Amino acid sequence: MKMATTSRGRALDRAKVAGGQDHEVRYEAKKEGVSKETVKKAVKSAGNSRKKVEAEISRH
């Protein structure tokens, strides 16, 4: 499976949530129906794996 790339040729990893990137945090918060702060806390406690972050959010 080929990974998506940016216009500059950099690889994107959609399986991760970059907690420091506001647009990624905003997207995940909207998708899960929670606040941005909740997403940031989930990334901090569960790591940046999207599956782990979503599992952490659903536990609370």
PDB file of N, CA and C in Angstrom:
ATOM      1  N   MET A   1       0.845  -1.178   0.000  1.00  0.00           N
ATOM      2  CA  MET A   1       0.000   0.000   0.000  1.00  0.00           C
ATOM      3  C   MET A   1       0.888   1.237   0.000  1.00  0.00           C
ATOM      4  N   LYS A   2       0.606   2.144  -0.912  1.00  0.00           N
ATOM      5  CA  LYS A   2       1.400   3.353  -1.032  1.00  0.00           C
ATOM      6  C   LYS A   2       0.877   4.420  -0.080  1.00  0.00           C
ATOM      7  N   MET A   3       1.794   5.074   0.619  1.00  0.00           N
ATOM      8  CA  MET A   3       1.424   6.121   1.563  1.00  0.00           C
ATOM      9  C   MET A   3       1.196   7.428   0.801  1.00  0.00           C
ATOM     10  N   ALA A   4       0.229   8.211   1.219  1.00  0.00           N
ATOM     11  CA  ALA A   4      -0.051   9.509   0.611  1.00  0.00           C
ATOM     12  C   ALA A   4       1.136  10.447   0.835  1.00  0.00           C
ATOM     13  N   THR A   5       1.320  11.375  -0.087  1.00  0.00           N
ATOM     14  CA  THR A   5       2.414  12.332   0.046  1.00  0.00           C
ATOM     15  C   THR A   5       1.895  13.755  -0.097  1.00  0.00           C
ATOM     16  N   THR A   6       2.658  14.693   0.421  1.00  0.00           N
ATOM     17  CA  THR A   6       2.329  16.101   0.288  1.00  0.00           C
ATOM     18  C   THR A   6       2.809  16.583  -1.073  1.00  0.00           C
ATOM     19  N   SER A   7       2.508  17.825  -1.397  1.00  0.00           N
ATOM     20  CA  SER A   7       2.962  18.380  -2.668  1.00  0.00           C
ATOM     21  C   SER A   7       4.478  18.478  -2.735  1.00  0.00           C
ATOM     22  N   ARG A   8       5.128  18.443  -1.571  1.00  0.00           N
ATOM     23  CA  ARG A   8       6.591  18.483  -1.533  1.00  0.00           C
ATOM     24  C   ARG A   8       7.197  17.088  -1.509  1.00  0.00           C
ATOM     25  N   GLY A   9       6.343  16.058  -1.595  1.00  0.00           N
ATOM     26  CA  GLY A   9       6.838  14.699  -1.630  1.00  0.00           C
ATOM     27  C   GLY A   9       7.045  14.055  -0.273  1.00  0.00           C
ATOM     28  N   ARG A  10       6.635  14.712   0.784  1.00  0.00           N
ATOM     29  CA  ARG A  10       6.783  14.145   2.126  1.00  0.00           C
ATOM     30  C   ARG A  10       5.657  13.155   2.401  1.00  0.00           C
ATOM     31  N   ALA A  11       5.983  12.078   3.062  1.00  0.00           N
ATOM     32  CA  ALA A  11       4.988  11.060   3.373  1.00  0.00           C
ATOM     33  C   ALA A  11       4.063  11.538   4.497  1.00  0.00           C
ATOM     34  N   LEU A  12       2.802  11.202   4.371  1.00  0.00           N
ATOM     35  CA  LEU A  12       1.815  11.495   5.413  1.00  0.00           C
ATOM     36  C   LEU A  12       1.435  10.180   6.069  1.00  0.00           C
ATOM     37  N   ASP A  13       1.292  10.181   7.352  1.00  0.00           N
ATOM     38  CA  ASP A  13       0.882   8.978   8.061  1.00  0.00           C
ATOM     39  C   ASP A  13      -0.476   9.229   8.684  1.00  0.00           C
ATOM     40  N   ARG A  14      -1.505   8.731   8.061  1.00  0.00           N
ATOM     41  CA  ARG A  14      -2.869   8.978   8.510  1.00  0.00           C
ATOM     42  C   ARG A  14      -3.238   8.147   9.740  1.00  0.00           C
ATOM     43  N   ALA A  15      -2.369   7.217  10.137  1.00  0.00           N
ATOM     44  CA  ALA A  15      -2.661   6.373  11.290  1.00  0.00           C
ATOM     45  C   ALA A  15      -2.240   7.043  12.593  1.00  0.00           C
ATOM     46  N   LYS A  16      -1.725   8.254  12.507  1.00  0.00           N
ATOM     47  CA  LYS A  16      -1.252   8.956  13.699  1.00  0.00           C
ATOM     48  C   LYS A  16      -1.958  10.308  13.844  1.00  0.00           C
ATOM     49  N   VAL A  17      -2.055  10.770  15.072  1.00  0.00           N
ATOM     50  CA  VAL A  17      -2.615  12.084  15.373  1.00  0.00           C
ATOM     51  C   VAL A  17      -1.480  12.936  15.921  1.00  0.00           C
ATOM     52  N   ALA A  18      -1.158  14.015  15.222  1.00  0.00           N
ATOM     53  CA  ALA A  18      -0.113  14.920  15.699  1.00  0.00           C
ATOM     54  C   ALA A  18      -0.754  15.886  16.689  1.00  0.00           C
ATOM     55  N   GLY A  19      -0.519  15.655  17.970  1.00  0.00           N
ATOM     56  CA  GLY A  19      -1.142  16.453  19.020  1.00  0.00           C
ATOM     57  C   GLY A  19      -0.782  17.924  18.973  1.00  0.00           C
ATOM     58  N   GLY A  20       0.359  18.261  18.376  1.00  0.00           N
ATOM     59  CA  GLY A  20       0.786  19.648  18.274  1.00  0.00           C
ATOM     60  C   GLY A  20       0.252  20.355  17.044  1.00  0.00           C
ATOM     61  N   GLN A  21      -0.399  19.617  16.159  1.00  0.00           N
ATOM     62  CA  GLN A  21      -0.942  20.208  14.932  1.00  0.00           C
ATOM     63  C   GLN A  21      -2.422  20.525  15.158  1.00  0.00           C
ATOM     64  N   ASP A  22      -2.733  21.818  15.213  1.00  0.00           N
ATOM     65  CA  ASP A  22      -4.097  22.238  15.543  1.00  0.00           C
ATOM     66  C   ASP A  22      -5.131  21.653  14.588  1.00  0.00           C
ATOM     67  N   HIS A  23      -4.816  21.615  13.294  1.00  0.00           N
ATOM     68  CA  HIS A  23      -5.803  21.102  12.334  1.00  0.00           C
ATOM     69  C   HIS A  23      -6.093  19.619  12.557  1.00  0.00           C
ATOM     70  N   GLU A  24      -5.091  18.843  12.961  1.00  0.00           N
ATOM     71  CA  GLU A  24      -5.327  17.420  13.229  1.00  0.00           C
ATOM     72  C   GLU A  24      -6.149  17.231  14.494  1.00  0.00           C
ATOM     73  N   VAL A  25      -5.834  18.020  15.508  1.00  0.00           N
ATOM     74  CA  VAL A  25      -6.580  17.943  16.768  1.00  0.00           C
ATOM     75  C   VAL A  25      -8.031  18.360  16.528  1.00  0.00           C
ATOM     76  N   ARG A  26      -8.225  19.446  15.761  1.00  0.00           N
ATOM     77  CA  ARG A  26      -9.573  19.940  15.447  1.00  0.00           C
ATOM     78  C   ARG A  26     -10.376  18.882  14.682  1.00  0.00           C
ATOM     79  N   TYR A  27      -9.740  18.237  13.694  1.00  0.00           N
ATOM     80  CA  TYR A  27     -10.411  17.209  12.895  1.00  0.00           C
ATOM     81  C   TYR A  27     -10.854  16.043  13.783  1.00  0.00           C
ATOM     82  N   GLU A  28      -9.942  15.556  14.615  1.00  0.00           N
ATOM     83  CA  GLU A  28     -10.249  14.411  15.472  1.00  0.00           C
ATOM     84  C   GLU A  28     -11.337  14.779  16.479  1.00  0.00           C
ATOM     85  N   ALA A  29     -11.285  15.995  17.019  1.00  0.00           N
ATOM     86  CA  ALA A  29     -12.296  16.442  17.982  1.00  0.00           C
ATOM     87  C   ALA A  29     -13.680  16.491  17.329  1.00  0.00           C
ATOM     88  N   LYS A  30     -13.741  17.023  16.121  1.00  0.00           N
ATOM     89  CA  LYS A  30     -15.026  17.110  15.417  1.00  0.00           C
ATOM     90  C   LYS A  30     -15.545  15.713  15.074  1.00  0.00           C
ATOM     91  N   LYS A  31     -14.648  14.857  14.626  1.00  0.00           N
ATOM     92  CA  LYS A  31     -15.014  13.496  14.249  1.00  0.00           C
ATOM     93  C   LYS A  31     -15.565  12.713  15.440  1.00  0.00           C
ATOM     94  N   GLU A  32     -14.938  12.889  16.605  1.00  0.00           N
ATOM     95  CA  GLU A  32     -15.341  12.153  17.801  1.00  0.00           C
ATOM     96  C   GLU A  32     -16.397  12.875  18.624  1.00  0.00           C
ATOM     97  N   GLY A  33     -16.680  14.147  18.298  1.00  0.00           N
ATOM     98  CA  GLY A  33     -17.686  14.901  19.037  1.00  0.00           C
ATOM     99  C   GLY A  33     -17.230  15.307  20.428  1.00  0.00           C
ATOM    100  N   VAL A  34     -15.939  15.603  20.564  1.00  0.00           N
ATOM    101  CA  VAL A  34     -15.376  16.003  21.853  1.00  0.00           C
ATOM    102  C   VAL A  34     -14.594  17.305  21.685  1.00  0.00           C
ATOM    103  N   SER A  35     -14.088  17.848  22.788  1.00  0.00           N
ATOM    104  CA  SER A  35     -13.321  19.087  22.720  1.00  0.00           C
ATOM    105  C   SER A  35     -11.888  18.808  22.258  1.00  0.00           C
ATOM    106  N   LYS A  36     -11.218  19.871  21.796  1.00  0.00           N
ATOM    107  CA  LYS A  36      -9.823  19.747  21.389  1.00  0.00           C
ATOM    108  C   LYS A  36      -8.960  19.350  22.581  1.00  0.00           C
ATOM    109  N   GLU A  37      -9.300  19.867  23.752  1.00  0.00           N
ATOM    110  CA  GLU A  37      -8.551  19.549  24.962  1.00  0.00           C
ATOM    111  C   GLU A  37      -8.634  18.053  25.281  1.00  0.00           C
ATOM    112  N   THR A  38      -9.797  17.455  25.061  1.00  0.00           N
ATOM    113  CA  THR A  38      -9.967  16.023  25.292  1.00  0.00           C
ATOM    114  C   THR A  38      -9.057  15.226  24.363  1.00  0.00           C
ATOM    115  N   VAL A  39      -8.977  15.647  23.108  1.00  0.00           N
ATOM    116  CA  VAL A  39      -8.109  14.961  22.139  1.00  0.00           C
ATOM    117  C   VAL A  39      -6.648  15.096  22.561  1.00  0.00           C
ATOM    118  N   LYS A  40      -6.240  16.299  22.955  1.00  0.00           N
ATOM    119  CA  LYS A  40      -4.853  16.511  23.373  1.00  0.00           C
ATOM    120  C   LYS A  40      -4.499  15.639  24.572  1.00  0.00           C
ATOM    121  N   LYS A  41      -5.421  15.534  25.534  1.00  0.00           N
ATOM    122  CA  LYS A  41      -5.177  14.691  26.706  1.00  0.00           C
ATOM    123  C   LYS A  41      -5.071  13.225  26.305  1.00  0.00           C
ATOM    124  N   ALA A  42      -5.921  12.800  25.362  1.00  0.00           N
ATOM    125  CA  ALA A  42      -5.887  11.409  24.891  1.00  0.00           C
ATOM    126  C   ALA A  42      -4.568  11.107  24.186  1.00  0.00           C
ATOM    127  N   VAL A  43      -4.070  12.050  23.384  1.00  0.00           N
ATOM    128  CA  VAL A  43      -2.788  11.865  22.702  1.00  0.00           C
ATOM    129  C   VAL A  43      -1.673  11.771  23.731  1.00  0.00           C
ATOM    130  N   LYS A  44      -1.755  12.607  24.747  1.00  0.00           N
ATOM    131  CA  LYS A  44      -0.714  12.622  25.780  1.00  0.00           C
ATOM    132  C   LYS A  44      -0.696  11.306  26.562  1.00  0.00           C
ATOM    133  N   SER A  45      -1.862  10.751  26.861  1.00  0.00           N
ATOM    134  CA  SER A  45      -1.895   9.535  27.674  1.00  0.00           C
ATOM    135  C   SER A  45      -1.778   8.250  26.848  1.00  0.00           C
ATOM    136  N   ALA A  46      -2.300   8.245  25.622  1.00  0.00           N
ATOM    137  CA  ALA A  46      -2.322   7.009  24.832  1.00  0.00           C
ATOM    138  C   ALA A  46      -1.263   6.969  23.734  1.00  0.00           C
ATOM    139  N   GLY A  47      -0.604   8.082  23.476  1.00  0.00           N
ATOM    140  CA  GLY A  47       0.340   8.133  22.359  1.00  0.00           C
ATOM    141  C   GLY A  47      -0.350   8.675  21.125  1.00  0.00           C
ATOM    142  N   ASN A  48       0.350   8.695  19.993  1.00  0.00           N
ATOM    143  CA  ASN A  48      -0.230   9.349  18.821  1.00  0.00           C
ATOM    144  C   ASN A  48      -0.888   8.392  17.830  1.00  0.00           C
ATOM    145  N   SER A  49      -1.037   7.136  18.157  1.00  0.00           N
ATOM    146  CA  SER A  49      -1.743   6.197  17.289  1.00  0.00           C
ATOM    147  C   SER A  49      -3.226   6.583  17.254  1.00  0.00           C
ATOM    148  N   ARG A  50      -3.764   6.770  16.061  1.00  0.00           N
ATOM    149  CA  ARG A  50      -5.158   7.192  15.917  1.00  0.00           C
ATOM    150  C   ARG A  50      -6.109   6.201  16.592  1.00  0.00           C
ATOM    151  N   LYS A  51      -5.856   4.901  16.430  1.00  0.00           N
ATOM    152  CA  LYS A  51      -6.721   3.890  17.046  1.00  0.00           C
ATOM    153  C   LYS A  51      -6.684   3.982  18.568  1.00  0.00           C
ATOM    154  N   LYS A  52      -5.490   4.180  19.131  1.00  0.00           N
ATOM    155  CA  LYS A  52      -5.366   4.275  20.588  1.00  0.00           C
ATOM    156  C   LYS A  52      -6.011   5.549  21.120  1.00  0.00           C
ATOM    157  N   VAL A  53      -5.859   6.647  20.375  1.00  0.00           N
ATOM    158  CA  VAL A  53      -6.473   7.918  20.782  1.00  0.00           C
ATOM    159  C   VAL A  53      -7.994   7.778  20.775  1.00  0.00           C
ATOM    160  N   GLU A  54      -8.538   7.180  19.709  1.00  0.00           N
ATOM    161  CA  GLU A  54      -9.986   7.008  19.629  1.00  0.00           C
ATOM    162  C   GLU A  54     -10.498   6.068  20.732  1.00  0.00           C
ATOM    163  N   ALA A  55      -9.724   5.042  21.060  1.00  0.00           N
ATOM    164  CA  ALA A  55     -10.104   4.133  22.142  1.00  0.00           C
ATOM    165  C   ALA A  55     -10.079   4.868  23.478  1.00  0.00           C
ATOM    166  N   GLU A  56      -9.075   5.693  23.689  1.00  0.00           N
ATOM    167  CA  GLU A  56      -8.949   6.464  24.929  1.00  0.00           C
ATOM    168  C   GLU A  56     -10.136   7.429  25.071  1.00  0.00           C
ATOM    169  N   ILE A  57     -10.517   8.080  23.983  1.00  0.00           N
ATOM    170  CA  ILE A  57     -11.645   9.013  24.016  1.00  0.00           C
ATOM    171  C   ILE A  57     -12.940   8.275  24.320  1.00  0.00           C
ATOM    172  N   SER A  58     -13.133   7.117  23.717  1.00  0.00           N
ATOM    173  CA  SER A  58     -14.377   6.385  23.911  1.00  0.00           C
ATOM    174  C   SER A  58     -14.495   5.806  25.326  1.00  0.00           C
ATOM    175  N   ARG A  59     -13.365   5.624  26.024  1.00  0.00           N
ATOM    176  CA  ARG A  59     -13.411   5.122  27.402  1.00  0.00           C
ATOM    177  C   ARG A  59     -13.971   6.144  28.365  1.00  0.00           C
ATOM    178  N   HIS A  60     -13.877   7.428  28.024  1.00  0.00           N
ATOM    179  CA  HIS A  60     -14.299   8.494  28.953  1.00  0.00           C
ATOM    180  C   HIS A  60     -15.628   9.019  28.610  1.00  0.00           C
TER     181      HIS A  60
END
